[in-house]
Amino acid sequence: MSAGWVAGAVRARALAVRCPGAVGAREIAVCPSLDEALRRLGGTPYVRYTREAAGLPEAQRAVSATLLWHLRVLAGWLPRGGARLLVPLVSGFEVANVVARLSPEQQDRVPPYRLGALETVWRRLDRAATPAELRAALAASPWGDPGGDTPWALTTGMRMAAARRTALAVPQARDWAVARAALLTARELFVHGRSLPEPVRRDAARLLGGRASAAASYQEFREGLPAPARRLLAGVEEPGGLWRAEIRWWRTVRDDGAALLRDGRHGPGVVVGAVAVLSVDAWRVRAALESAARGGRLGEAFDALA
């Protein structure tokens, strides 16, 4: 193993061990106010961006910005070309930037996440003046054509493409990507009752198989899924219970990521494990801040994960 991967693995473990973890997040969640919760974050790595946060949405976004900063730092420790491993894993930040661009409420008030070397084509997307230009820029990039230029088509296409790109480029995260694609497909087809655009349907078929992606009922969809996604939806008998599958997905990423971090070998697996652990921690802290904003009442989703 090269010295670059050894250095990256050491840095990855160092970043992960600084997380507040489940115990720290619960202490934040039971704070009687958001202000008190933000003061508690002062002793964590999240203080870098949350120090000036005003209100829950800004505080939660600051937590996500901290996660992205840590992943950019980690990428800088990897050997030449190693950062390519992280690009699909952080693609959700590029999706979030596009969501903000397409939202009249957020467009002028929410600054984009700064991805640096981890961007796919964000600067090109940022220059698009219309949704049609945005679609064309996506189609000419690793994202691929989303199949439409409505806000829903653009963001749904990007989310499915993120799963496809992760499954192809990051073997350690393939099962997570397949399960994520199943959640996205199930919500669109059986909660919102929307047919997937053709390119999105093709990506879903590659990840989930033709039977699941073309299923006419939720039950048929579950029965046709590959093993990682079938495990995710086990016991979720109705589409209304998909939130439980979402929590199970985060638990799986948490447990798999911790196992990769414990691996004694230095290499890409440790780095992917750190990305997983850091991402779950940020998700948990965001949920904890929401609980504190409600006066310290734990939300069901937070309690289920933490």
C-alpha atoms as a PDB file:
ATOM      1  CA  MET A   1       0.000   0.000   0.000  1.00  0.00           C
ATOM      2  CA  SER A   2       1.380   3.413  -0.968  1.00  0.00           C
ATOM      3  CA  ALA A   3       2.384   6.008   1.599  1.00  0.00           C
ATOM      4  CA  GLY A   4      -0.425   8.220   0.284  1.00  0.00           C
ATOM      5  CA  TRP A   5      -3.085   5.655   1.149  1.00  0.00           C
ATOM      6  CA  VAL A   6      -1.532   5.078   4.545  1.00  0.00           C
ATOM      7  CA  ALA A   7      -1.618   8.816   5.253  1.00  0.00           C
ATOM      8  CA  GLY A   8      -5.198   9.021   3.972  1.00  0.00           C
ATOM      9  CA  ALA A   9      -6.300   6.114   6.175  1.00  0.00           C
ATOM     10  CA  VAL A  10      -4.680   7.656   9.260  1.00  0.00           C
ATOM     11  CA  ARG A  11      -6.356  10.985   8.544  1.00  0.00           C
ATOM     12  CA  ALA A  12      -9.689   9.252   7.919  1.00  0.00           C
ATOM     13  CA  ARG A  13      -9.611   7.538  11.307  1.00  0.00           C
ATOM     14  CA  ALA A  14      -8.580  10.789  13.016  1.00  0.00           C
ATOM     15  CA  LEU A  15     -11.533  12.657  11.514  1.00  0.00           C
ATOM     16  CA  ALA A  16     -13.993   9.929  12.465  1.00  0.00           C
ATOM     17  CA  VAL A  17     -12.888   9.687  16.081  1.00  0.00           C
ATOM     18  CA  ARG A  18     -13.647  13.384  16.644  1.00  0.00           C
ATOM     19  CA  CYS A  19     -17.353  12.937  15.885  1.00  0.00           C
ATOM     20  CA  PRO A  20     -19.784  13.578  18.762  1.00  0.00           C
ATOM     21  CA  GLY A  21     -21.244  10.131  18.107  1.00  0.00           C
ATOM     22  CA  ALA A  22     -24.557   8.823  19.378  1.00  0.00           C
ATOM     23  CA  VAL A  23     -23.945   9.933  22.977  1.00  0.00           C
ATOM     24  CA  GLY A  24     -22.915  13.450  22.011  1.00  0.00           C
ATOM     25  CA  ALA A  25     -25.804  13.815  19.596  1.00  0.00           C
ATOM     26  CA  ARG A  26     -28.305  12.759  22.271  1.00  0.00           C
ATOM     27  CA  GLU A  27     -26.899  15.369  24.655  1.00  0.00           C
ATOM     28  CA  ILE A  28     -27.464  17.966  21.947  1.00  0.00           C
ATOM     29  CA  ALA A  29     -30.950  16.660  21.162  1.00  0.00           C
ATOM     30  CA  VAL A  30     -32.246  17.001  24.740  1.00  0.00           C
ATOM     31  CA  CYS A  31     -31.141  20.639  25.056  1.00  0.00           C
ATOM     32  CA  PRO A  32     -34.141  22.846  25.916  1.00  0.00           C
ATOM     33  CA  SER A  33     -33.438  25.263  23.064  1.00  0.00           C
ATOM     34  CA  LEU A  34     -31.587  25.556  19.786  1.00  0.00           C
ATOM     35  CA  ASP A  35     -29.285  28.197  21.277  1.00  0.00           C
ATOM     36  CA  GLU A  36     -28.216  25.794  24.008  1.00  0.00           C
ATOM     37  CA  ALA A  37     -27.672  23.030  21.454  1.00  0.00           C
ATOM     38  CA  LEU A  38     -25.474  25.320  19.368  1.00  0.00           C
ATOM     39  CA  ARG A  39     -23.419  26.172  22.448  1.00  0.00           C
ATOM     40  CA  ARG A  40     -22.855  22.454  23.001  1.00  0.00           C
ATOM     41  CA  LEU A  41     -21.592  22.187  19.434  1.00  0.00           C
ATOM     42  CA  GLY A  42     -18.817  24.570  20.478  1.00  0.00           C
ATOM     43  CA  GLY A  43     -16.817  21.581  21.716  1.00  0.00           C
ATOM     44  CA  THR A  44     -17.178  19.634  18.475  1.00  0.00           C
ATOM     45  CA  PRO A  45     -15.719  19.934  14.967  1.00  0.00           C
ATOM     46  CA  TYR A  46     -19.034  21.453  13.827  1.00  0.00           C
ATOM     47  CA  VAL A  47     -18.241  24.735  15.557  1.00  0.00           C
ATOM     48  CA  ARG A  48     -16.269  25.874  12.485  1.00  0.00           C
ATOM     49  CA  TYR A  49     -19.474  26.668  10.569  1.00  0.00           C
ATOM     50  CA  THR A  50     -22.232  26.695  13.181  1.00  0.00           C
ATOM     51  CA  ARG A  51     -20.750  29.514  15.259  1.00  0.00           C
ATOM     52  CA  GLU A  52     -22.642  32.194  13.326  1.00  0.00           C
ATOM     53  CA  ALA A  53     -25.739  30.142  12.478  1.00  0.00           C
ATOM     54  CA  ALA A  54     -29.100  31.821  13.117  1.00  0.00           C
ATOM     55  CA  GLY A  55     -32.093  29.514  13.136  1.00  0.00           C
ATOM     56  CA  LEU A  56     -32.537  25.802  12.544  1.00  0.00           C
ATOM     57  CA  PRO A  57     -32.196  25.618   8.722  1.00  0.00           C
ATOM     58  CA  GLU A  58     -28.979  27.630   8.782  1.00  0.00           C
ATOM     59  CA  ALA A  59     -27.578  25.538  11.643  1.00  0.00           C
ATOM     60  CA  GLN A  60     -28.390  22.273   9.876  1.00  0.00           C
ATOM     61  CA  ARG A  61     -26.822  23.523   6.670  1.00  0.00           C
ATOM     62  CA  ALA A  62     -23.722  24.533   8.640  1.00  0.00           C
ATOM     63  CA  VAL A  63     -23.421  20.962   9.925  1.00  0.00           C
ATOM     64  CA  SER A  64     -23.549  19.688   6.348  1.00  0.00           C
ATOM     65  CA  ALA A  65     -20.960  22.277   5.295  1.00  0.00           C
ATOM     66  CA  THR A  66     -18.671  20.994   8.048  1.00  0.00           C
ATOM     67  CA  LEU A  67     -19.040  17.451   6.724  1.00  0.00           C
ATOM     68  CA  LEU A  68     -18.124  18.605   3.225  1.00  0.00           C
ATOM     69  CA  TRP A  69     -15.091  20.496   4.535  1.00  0.00           C
ATOM     70  CA  HIS A  70     -13.859  17.370   6.337  1.00  0.00           C
ATOM     71  CA  LEU A  71     -14.227  15.322   3.161  1.00  0.00           C
ATOM     72  CA  ARG A  72     -12.316  17.923   1.173  1.00  0.00           C
ATOM     73  CA  VAL A  73      -9.542  17.804   3.774  1.00  0.00           C
ATOM     74  CA  LEU A  74      -9.527  14.015   3.593  1.00  0.00           C
ATOM     75  CA  ALA A  75      -9.289  14.133  -0.208  1.00  0.00           C
ATOM     76  CA  GLY A  76      -6.180  16.283   0.120  1.00  0.00           C
ATOM     77  CA  TRP A  77      -4.428  13.503   2.039  1.00  0.00           C
ATOM     78  CA  LEU A  78      -5.096  10.834  -0.564  1.00  0.00           C
ATOM     79  CA  PRO A  79      -2.582   9.845  -3.245  1.00  0.00           C
ATOM     80  CA  ARG A  80      -2.822  11.278  -6.741  1.00  0.00           C
ATOM     81  CA  GLY A  81      -6.157  10.249  -8.215  1.00  0.00           C
ATOM     82  CA  GLY A  82      -7.486   9.052  -4.867  1.00  0.00           C
ATOM     83  CA  ALA A  83      -9.941  11.930  -4.595  1.00  0.00           C
ATOM     84  CA  ARG A  84     -11.897  10.388  -7.485  1.00  0.00           C
ATOM     85  CA  LEU A  85     -13.101   7.782  -4.992  1.00  0.00           C
ATOM     86  CA  LEU A  86     -14.852  10.519  -3.007  1.00  0.00           C
ATOM     87  CA  VAL A  87     -16.488  12.399  -5.897  1.00  0.00           C
ATOM     88  CA  PRO A  88     -19.553  10.133  -6.253  1.00  0.00           C
ATOM     89  CA  LEU A  89     -19.834   9.842  -2.464  1.00  0.00           C
ATOM     90  CA  VAL A  90     -20.243  13.618  -2.094  1.00  0.00           C
ATOM     91  CA  SER A  91     -22.436  14.075  -5.172  1.00  0.00           C
ATOM     92  CA  GLY A  92     -25.419  14.784  -2.917  1.00  0.00           C
ATOM     93  CA  PHE A  93     -23.950  18.222  -2.251  1.00  0.00           C
ATOM     94  CA  GLU A  94     -24.029  19.002  -5.967  1.00  0.00           C
ATOM     95  CA  VAL A  95     -27.651  17.834  -6.049  1.00  0.00           C
ATOM     96  CA  ALA A  96     -28.396  20.153  -3.112  1.00  0.00           C
ATOM     97  CA  ASN A  97     -26.832  23.057  -5.006  1.00  0.00           C
ATOM     98  CA  VAL A  98     -29.101  22.378  -7.978  1.00  0.00           C
ATOM     99  CA  VAL A  99     -32.155  22.092  -5.713  1.00  0.00           C
ATOM    100  CA  ALA A 100     -31.324  25.520  -4.280  1.00  0.00           C
ATOM    101  CA  ARG A 101     -30.816  26.963  -7.781  1.00  0.00           C
ATOM    102  CA  LEU A 102     -34.264  25.723  -8.810  1.00  0.00           C
ATOM    103  CA  SER A 103     -36.046  26.994  -5.696  1.00  0.00           C
ATOM    104  CA  PRO A 104     -37.265  30.625  -5.794  1.00  0.00           C
ATOM    105  CA  GLU A 105     -37.167  30.692  -1.984  1.00  0.00           C
ATOM    106  CA  GLN A 106     -33.536  29.555  -1.773  1.00  0.00           C
ATOM    107  CA  GLN A 107     -31.943  30.782  -4.976  1.00  0.00           C
ATOM    108  CA  ASP A 108     -30.768  34.168  -3.695  1.00  0.00           C
ATOM    109  CA  ARG A 109     -30.485  33.335   0.012  1.00  0.00           C
ATOM    110  CA  VAL A 110     -28.670  30.006   0.205  1.00  0.00           C
ATOM    111  CA  PRO A 111     -25.017  30.001  -0.909  1.00  0.00           C
ATOM    112  CA  PRO A 112     -23.921  26.896  -2.812  1.00  0.00           C
ATOM    113  CA  TYR A 113     -21.786  24.271  -1.157  1.00  0.00           C
ATOM    114  CA  ARG A 114     -18.161  24.689  -2.193  1.00  0.00           C
ATOM    115  CA  LEU A 115     -16.932  21.328  -3.460  1.00  0.00           C
ATOM    116  CA  GLY A 116     -13.489  22.260  -4.737  1.00  0.00           C
ATOM    117  CA  ALA A 117     -11.727  19.244  -6.236  1.00  0.00           C
ATOM    118  CA  LEU A 118     -14.704  17.034  -5.306  1.00  0.00           C
ATOM    119  CA  GLU A 119     -17.162  18.630  -7.705  1.00  0.00           C
ATOM    120  CA  THR A 120     -18.394  16.797 -10.773  1.00  0.00           C
ATOM    121  CA  VAL A 121     -19.422  19.743 -12.974  1.00  0.00           C
ATOM    122  CA  TRP A 122     -20.937  22.210 -10.512  1.00  0.00           C
ATOM    123  CA  ARG A 123     -19.300  25.309 -11.989  1.00  0.00           C
ATOM    124  CA  ARG A 124     -20.716  24.395 -15.400  1.00  0.00           C
ATOM    125  CA  LEU A 125     -24.154  23.814 -13.882  1.00  0.00           C
ATOM    126  CA  ASP A 126     -23.961  27.108 -12.012  1.00  0.00           C
ATOM    127  CA  ARG A 127     -23.527  28.952 -15.300  1.00  0.00           C
ATOM    128  CA  ALA A 128     -26.734  27.493 -16.762  1.00  0.00           C
ATOM    129  CA  ALA A 129     -29.276  30.286 -17.152  1.00  0.00           C
ATOM    130  CA  THR A 130     -32.382  28.135 -17.681  1.00  0.00           C
ATOM    131  CA  PRO A 131     -33.582  24.648 -16.720  1.00  0.00           C
ATOM    132  CA  ALA A 132     -33.098  23.594 -20.361  1.00  0.00           C
ATOM    133  CA  GLU A 133     -29.455  24.687 -20.223  1.00  0.00           C
ATOM    134  CA  LEU A 134     -29.086  22.883 -16.913  1.00  0.00           C
ATOM    135  CA  ARG A 135     -30.393  19.676 -18.473  1.00  0.00           C
ATOM    136  CA  ALA A 136     -27.992  20.051 -21.407  1.00  0.00           C
ATOM    137  CA  ALA A 137     -25.037  20.535 -19.045  1.00  0.00           C
ATOM    138  CA  LEU A 138     -26.008  17.432 -17.084  1.00  0.00           C
ATOM    139  CA  ALA A 139     -26.445  15.384 -20.251  1.00  0.00           C
ATOM    140  CA  ALA A 140     -22.912  16.307 -21.365  1.00  0.00           C
ATOM    141  CA  SER A 141     -21.408  15.272 -18.022  1.00  0.00           C
ATOM    142  CA  PRO A 142     -20.993  12.109 -15.923  1.00  0.00           C
ATOM    143  CA  TRP A 143     -24.444  12.820 -14.480  1.00  0.00           C
ATOM    144  CA  GLY A 144     -26.142  11.986 -17.764  1.00  0.00           C
ATOM    145  CA  ASP A 145     -29.456  13.202 -19.165  1.00  0.00           C
ATOM    146  CA  PRO A 146     -32.127  13.387 -16.417  1.00  0.00           C
ATOM    147  CA  GLY A 147     -34.890  12.983 -18.998  1.00  0.00           C
ATOM    148  CA  GLY A 148     -36.586  16.357 -18.537  1.00  0.00           C
ATOM    149  CA  ASP A 149     -36.023  19.952 -17.482  1.00  0.00           C
ATOM    150  CA  THR A 150     -38.674  20.351 -14.783  1.00  0.00           C
ATOM    151  CA  PRO A 151     -37.272  20.757 -11.265  1.00  0.00           C
ATOM    152  CA  TRP A 152     -38.580  17.294 -10.371  1.00  0.00           C
ATOM    153  CA  ALA A 153     -37.040  15.612 -13.418  1.00  0.00           C
ATOM    154  CA  LEU A 154     -33.694  17.347 -12.937  1.00  0.00           C
ATOM    155  CA  THR A 155     -33.316  16.485  -9.264  1.00  0.00           C
ATOM    156  CA  THR A 156     -34.762  12.977  -9.523  1.00  0.00           C
ATOM    157  CA  GLY A 157     -32.441  12.234 -12.421  1.00  0.00           C
ATOM    158  CA  MET A 158     -29.447  13.478 -10.456  1.00  0.00           C
ATOM    159  CA  ARG A 159     -30.360  11.453  -7.377  1.00  0.00           C
ATOM    160  CA  MET A 160     -30.681   8.238  -9.321  1.00  0.00           C
ATOM    161  CA  ALA A 161     -27.506   9.029 -11.240  1.00  0.00           C
ATOM    162  CA  ALA A 162     -25.694   9.535  -7.926  1.00  0.00           C
ATOM    163  CA  ALA A 163     -26.662   5.994  -6.927  1.00  0.00           C
ATOM    164  CA  ARG A 164     -25.549   4.637 -10.304  1.00  0.00           C
ATOM    165  CA  ARG A 165     -22.208   6.457 -10.186  1.00  0.00           C
ATOM    166  CA  THR A 166     -21.512   5.334  -6.617  1.00  0.00           C
ATOM    167  CA  ALA A 167     -22.339   1.699  -7.381  1.00  0.00           C
ATOM    168  CA  LEU A 168     -19.963   1.707 -10.356  1.00  0.00           C
ATOM    169  CA  ALA A 169     -17.052   3.628  -8.829  1.00  0.00           C
ATOM    170  CA  VAL A 170     -17.032   2.618  -5.143  1.00  0.00           C
ATOM    171  CA  PRO A 171     -17.299  -1.159  -4.632  1.00  0.00           C
ATOM    172  CA  GLN A 172     -17.488  -0.789  -0.840  1.00  0.00           C
ATOM    173  CA  ALA A 173     -20.582   1.397  -1.205  1.00  0.00           C
ATOM    174  CA  ARG A 174     -22.392  -0.559  -3.915  1.00  0.00           C
ATOM    175  CA  ASP A 175     -24.975  -2.100  -1.576  1.00  0.00           C
ATOM    176  CA  TRP A 176     -25.733   1.314  -0.064  1.00  0.00           C
ATOM    177  CA  ALA A 177     -26.252   2.755  -3.552  1.00  0.00           C
ATOM    178  CA  VAL A 178     -28.546  -0.081  -4.615  1.00  0.00           C
ATOM    179  CA  ALA A 179     -30.635   0.316  -1.461  1.00  0.00           C
ATOM    180  CA  ARG A 180     -30.770   4.082  -1.973  1.00  0.00           C
ATOM    181  CA  ALA A 181     -32.009   3.592  -5.523  1.00  0.00           C
ATOM    182  CA  ALA A 182     -34.744   1.308  -4.193  1.00  0.00           C
ATOM    183  CA  LEU A 183     -35.910   3.972  -1.725  1.00  0.00           C
ATOM    184  CA  LEU A 184     -35.985   6.646  -4.418  1.00  0.00           C
ATOM    185  CA  THR A 185     -37.865   4.411  -6.855  1.00  0.00           C
ATOM    186  CA  ALA A 186     -40.394   3.248  -4.257  1.00  0.00           C
ATOM    187  CA  ARG A 187     -41.220   6.790  -3.190  1.00  0.00           C
ATOM    188  CA  GLU A 188     -41.673   8.053  -6.722  1.00  0.00           C
ATOM    189  CA  LEU A 189     -43.755   5.116  -7.944  1.00  0.00           C
ATOM    190  CA  PHE A 190     -45.827   4.181  -4.904  1.00  0.00           C
ATOM    191  CA  VAL A 191     -45.967   7.269  -2.665  1.00  0.00           C
ATOM    192  CA  HIS A 192     -46.114  10.088  -5.219  1.00  0.00           C
ATOM    193  CA  GLY A 193     -47.547   8.005  -8.078  1.00  0.00           C
ATOM    194  CA  ARG A 194     -45.092   9.396 -10.639  1.00  0.00           C
ATOM    195  CA  SER A 195     -43.578   7.479 -13.534  1.00  0.00           C
ATOM    196  CA  LEU A 196     -39.817   7.762 -13.782  1.00  0.00           C
ATOM    197  CA  PRO A 197     -38.309   9.563 -16.785  1.00  0.00           C
ATOM    198  CA  GLU A 198     -36.808   7.068 -19.217  1.00  0.00           C
ATOM    199  CA  PRO A 199     -33.113   7.671 -18.333  1.00  0.00           C
ATOM    200  CA  VAL A 200     -33.951   7.365 -14.628  1.00  0.00           C
ATOM    201  CA  ARG A 201     -35.887   4.169 -15.271  1.00  0.00           C
ATOM    202  CA  ARG A 202     -32.877   2.728 -17.105  1.00  0.00           C
ATOM    203  CA  ASP A 203     -30.588   3.551 -14.178  1.00  0.00           C
ATOM    204  CA  ALA A 204     -33.091   1.986 -11.796  1.00  0.00           C
ATOM    205  CA  ALA A 205     -33.200  -1.152 -13.940  1.00  0.00           C
ATOM    206  CA  ARG A 206     -29.397  -1.412 -13.916  1.00  0.00           C
ATOM    207  CA  LEU A 207     -29.311  -1.184 -10.140  1.00  0.00           C
ATOM    208  CA  LEU A 208     -32.504  -3.001  -9.152  1.00  0.00           C
ATOM    209  CA  GLY A 209     -33.227  -5.288 -12.071  1.00  0.00           C
ATOM    210  CA  GLY A 210     -35.929  -5.039 -14.698  1.00  0.00           C
ATOM    211  CA  ARG A 211     -38.643  -6.739 -12.649  1.00  0.00           C
ATOM    212  CA  ALA A 212     -38.507  -4.271  -9.758  1.00  0.00           C
ATOM    213  CA  SER A 213     -38.160  -1.151 -11.899  1.00  0.00           C
ATOM    214  CA  ALA A 214     -41.200  -2.157 -13.996  1.00  0.00           C
ATOM    215  CA  ALA A 215     -43.341  -3.406 -11.067  1.00  0.00           C
ATOM    216  CA  ALA A 216     -47.017  -2.480 -11.097  1.00  0.00           C
ATOM    217  CA  SER A 217     -47.464  -2.821  -7.329  1.00  0.00           C
ATOM    218  CA  TYR A 218     -45.417  -2.163  -4.223  1.00  0.00           C
ATOM    219  CA  GLN A 219     -45.538  -5.859  -3.294  1.00  0.00           C
ATOM    220  CA  GLU A 220     -44.251  -6.890  -6.714  1.00  0.00           C
ATOM    221  CA  PHE A 221     -41.550  -4.235  -6.408  1.00  0.00           C
ATOM    222  CA  ARG A 222     -40.340  -5.626  -3.058  1.00  0.00           C
ATOM    223  CA  GLU A 223     -40.303  -9.193  -4.346  1.00  0.00           C
ATOM    224  CA  GLY A 224     -38.228  -8.263  -7.392  1.00  0.00           C
ATOM    225  CA  LEU A 225     -35.477  -6.386  -5.575  1.00  0.00           C
ATOM    226  CA  PRO A 226     -31.866  -7.575  -5.279  1.00  0.00           C
ATOM    227  CA  ALA A 227     -30.771  -8.732  -1.828  1.00  0.00           C
ATOM    228  CA  PRO A 228     -29.411  -5.430  -0.378  1.00  0.00           C
ATOM    229  CA  ALA A 229     -32.631  -3.577  -1.202  1.00  0.00           C
ATOM    230  CA  ARG A 230     -34.874  -6.492  -0.235  1.00  0.00           C
ATOM    231  CA  ARG A 231     -33.293  -6.518   3.229  1.00  0.00           C
ATOM    232  CA  LEU A 232     -33.861  -2.780   3.487  1.00  0.00           C
ATOM    233  CA  LEU A 233     -37.598  -3.108   2.849  1.00  0.00           C
ATOM    234  CA  ALA A 234     -38.108  -6.264   4.920  1.00  0.00           C
ATOM    235  CA  GLY A 235     -41.137  -5.734   7.150  1.00  0.00           C
ATOM    236  CA  VAL A 236     -42.091  -2.475   5.427  1.00  0.00           C
ATOM    237  CA  GLU A 237     -45.408  -3.746   4.117  1.00  0.00           C
ATOM    238  CA  GLU A 238     -46.798  -0.437   2.837  1.00  0.00           C
ATOM    239  CA  PRO A 239     -45.211   2.554   1.076  1.00  0.00           C
ATOM    240  CA  GLY A 240     -46.198   4.754   4.024  1.00  0.00           C
ATOM    241  CA  GLY A 241     -43.608   2.932   6.128  1.00  0.00           C
ATOM    242  CA  LEU A 242     -40.665   3.790   3.891  1.00  0.00           C
ATOM    243  CA  TRP A 243     -39.381   6.192   6.545  1.00  0.00           C
ATOM    244  CA  ARG A 244     -38.486   3.105   8.606  1.00  0.00           C
ATOM    245  CA  ALA A 245     -36.485   1.786   5.673  1.00  0.00           C
ATOM    246  CA  GLU A 246     -34.713   5.155   5.498  1.00  0.00           C
ATOM    247  CA  ILE A 247     -33.634   4.776   9.140  1.00  0.00           C
ATOM    248  CA  ARG A 248     -32.526   1.208   8.428  1.00  0.00           C
ATOM    249  CA  TRP A 249     -30.440   2.530   5.537  1.00  0.00           C
ATOM    250  CA  TRP A 250     -28.645   4.973   7.817  1.00  0.00           C
ATOM    251  CA  ARG A 251     -28.068   2.225  10.399  1.00  0.00           C
ATOM    252  CA  THR A 252     -26.593  -0.018   7.724  1.00  0.00           C
ATOM    253  CA  VAL A 253     -24.263   2.717   6.491  1.00  0.00           C
ATOM    254  CA  ARG A 254     -23.256   3.420  10.106  1.00  0.00           C
ATOM    255  CA  ASP A 255     -22.482  -0.217  10.901  1.00  0.00           C
ATOM    256  CA  ASP A 256     -20.770  -0.988   7.594  1.00  0.00           C
ATOM    257  CA  GLY A 257     -18.717   2.197   7.817  1.00  0.00           C
ATOM    258  CA  ALA A 258     -17.566   1.388  11.350  1.00  0.00           C
ATOM    259  CA  ALA A 259     -16.560  -2.109  10.203  1.00  0.00           C
ATOM    260  CA  LEU A 260     -14.506  -0.657   7.340  1.00  0.00           C
ATOM    261  CA  LEU A 261     -12.792   1.719   9.749  1.00  0.00           C
ATOM    262  CA  ARG A 262     -11.851  -1.180  12.050  1.00  0.00           C
ATOM    263  CA  ASP A 263     -10.154  -2.994   9.199  1.00  0.00           C
ATOM    264  CA  GLY A 264      -6.446  -3.126  10.017  1.00  0.00           C
ATOM    265  CA  ARG A 265      -5.413  -2.535   6.417  1.00  0.00           C
ATOM    266  CA  HIS A 266      -4.711   0.947   5.064  1.00  0.00           C
ATOM    267  CA  GLY A 267      -6.485   1.676   1.830  1.00  0.00           C
ATOM    268  CA  PRO A 268      -9.657   2.812   0.091  1.00  0.00           C
ATOM    269  CA  GLY A 269     -11.944   0.789   2.373  1.00  0.00           C
ATOM    270  CA  VAL A 270     -10.900   2.785   5.437  1.00  0.00           C
ATOM    271  CA  VAL A 271     -11.515   6.034   3.573  1.00  0.00           C
ATOM    272  CA  VAL A 272     -14.985   4.915   2.453  1.00  0.00           C
ATOM    273  CA  GLY A 273     -15.704   3.851   6.031  1.00  0.00           C
ATOM    274  CA  ALA A 274     -14.749   7.295   7.295  1.00  0.00           C
ATOM    275  CA  VAL A 275     -17.028   8.968   4.756  1.00  0.00           C
ATOM    276  CA  ALA A 276     -19.877   6.757   5.982  1.00  0.00           C
ATOM    277  CA  VAL A 277     -19.256   7.412   9.678  1.00  0.00           C
ATOM    278  CA  LEU A 278     -18.844  11.160   9.166  1.00  0.00           C
ATOM    279  CA  SER A 279     -22.001  11.332   7.030  1.00  0.00           C
ATOM    280  CA  VAL A 280     -24.092   9.448   9.583  1.00  0.00           C
ATOM    281  CA  ASP A 281     -22.789  11.661  12.369  1.00  0.00           C
ATOM    282  CA  ALA A 282     -23.743  14.813  10.460  1.00  0.00           C
ATOM    283  CA  TRP A 283     -27.218  13.372   9.775  1.00  0.00           C
ATOM    284  CA  ARG A 284     -27.614  12.559  13.468  1.00  0.00           C
ATOM    285  CA  VAL A 285     -26.471  16.014  14.614  1.00  0.00           C
ATOM    286  CA  ARG A 286     -28.858  17.693  12.179  1.00  0.00           C
ATOM    287  CA  ALA A 287     -31.698  15.608  13.652  1.00  0.00           C
ATOM    288  CA  ALA A 288     -30.497  16.450  17.165  1.00  0.00           C
ATOM    289  CA  LEU A 289     -30.661  20.180  16.414  1.00  0.00           C
ATOM    290  CA  GLU A 290     -34.228  19.749  15.221  1.00  0.00           C
ATOM    291  CA  SER A 291     -35.123  18.016  18.498  1.00  0.00           C
ATOM    292  CA  ALA A 292     -33.520  20.823  20.506  1.00  0.00           C
ATOM    293  CA  ALA A 293     -35.427  23.417  18.482  1.00  0.00           C
ATOM    294  CA  ARG A 294     -38.614  21.656  19.637  1.00  0.00           C
ATOM    295  CA  GLY A 295     -37.590  22.052  23.263  1.00  0.00           C
ATOM    296  CA  GLY A 296     -35.578  18.862  23.659  1.00  0.00           C
ATOM    297  CA  ARG A 297     -38.302  16.477  22.453  1.00  0.00           C
ATOM    298  CA  LEU A 298     -36.616  13.639  20.605  1.00  0.00           C
ATOM    299  CA  GLY A 299     -37.975  12.962  17.144  1.00  0.00           C
ATOM    300  CA  GLU A 300     -38.855   9.375  16.238  1.00  0.00           C
ATOM    301  CA  ALA A 301     -36.311   9.237  13.445  1.00  0.00           C
ATOM    302  CA  PHE A 302     -33.500  10.495  15.673  1.00  0.00           C
ATOM    303  CA  ASP A 303     -34.412   8.110  18.476  1.00  0.00           C
ATOM    304  CA  ALA A 304     -34.514   5.162  16.084  1.00  0.00           C
ATOM    305  CA  LEU A 305     -31.015   5.850  14.799  1.00  0.00           C
ATOM    306  CA  ALA A 306     -29.302   7.101  17.940  1.00  0.00           C
END
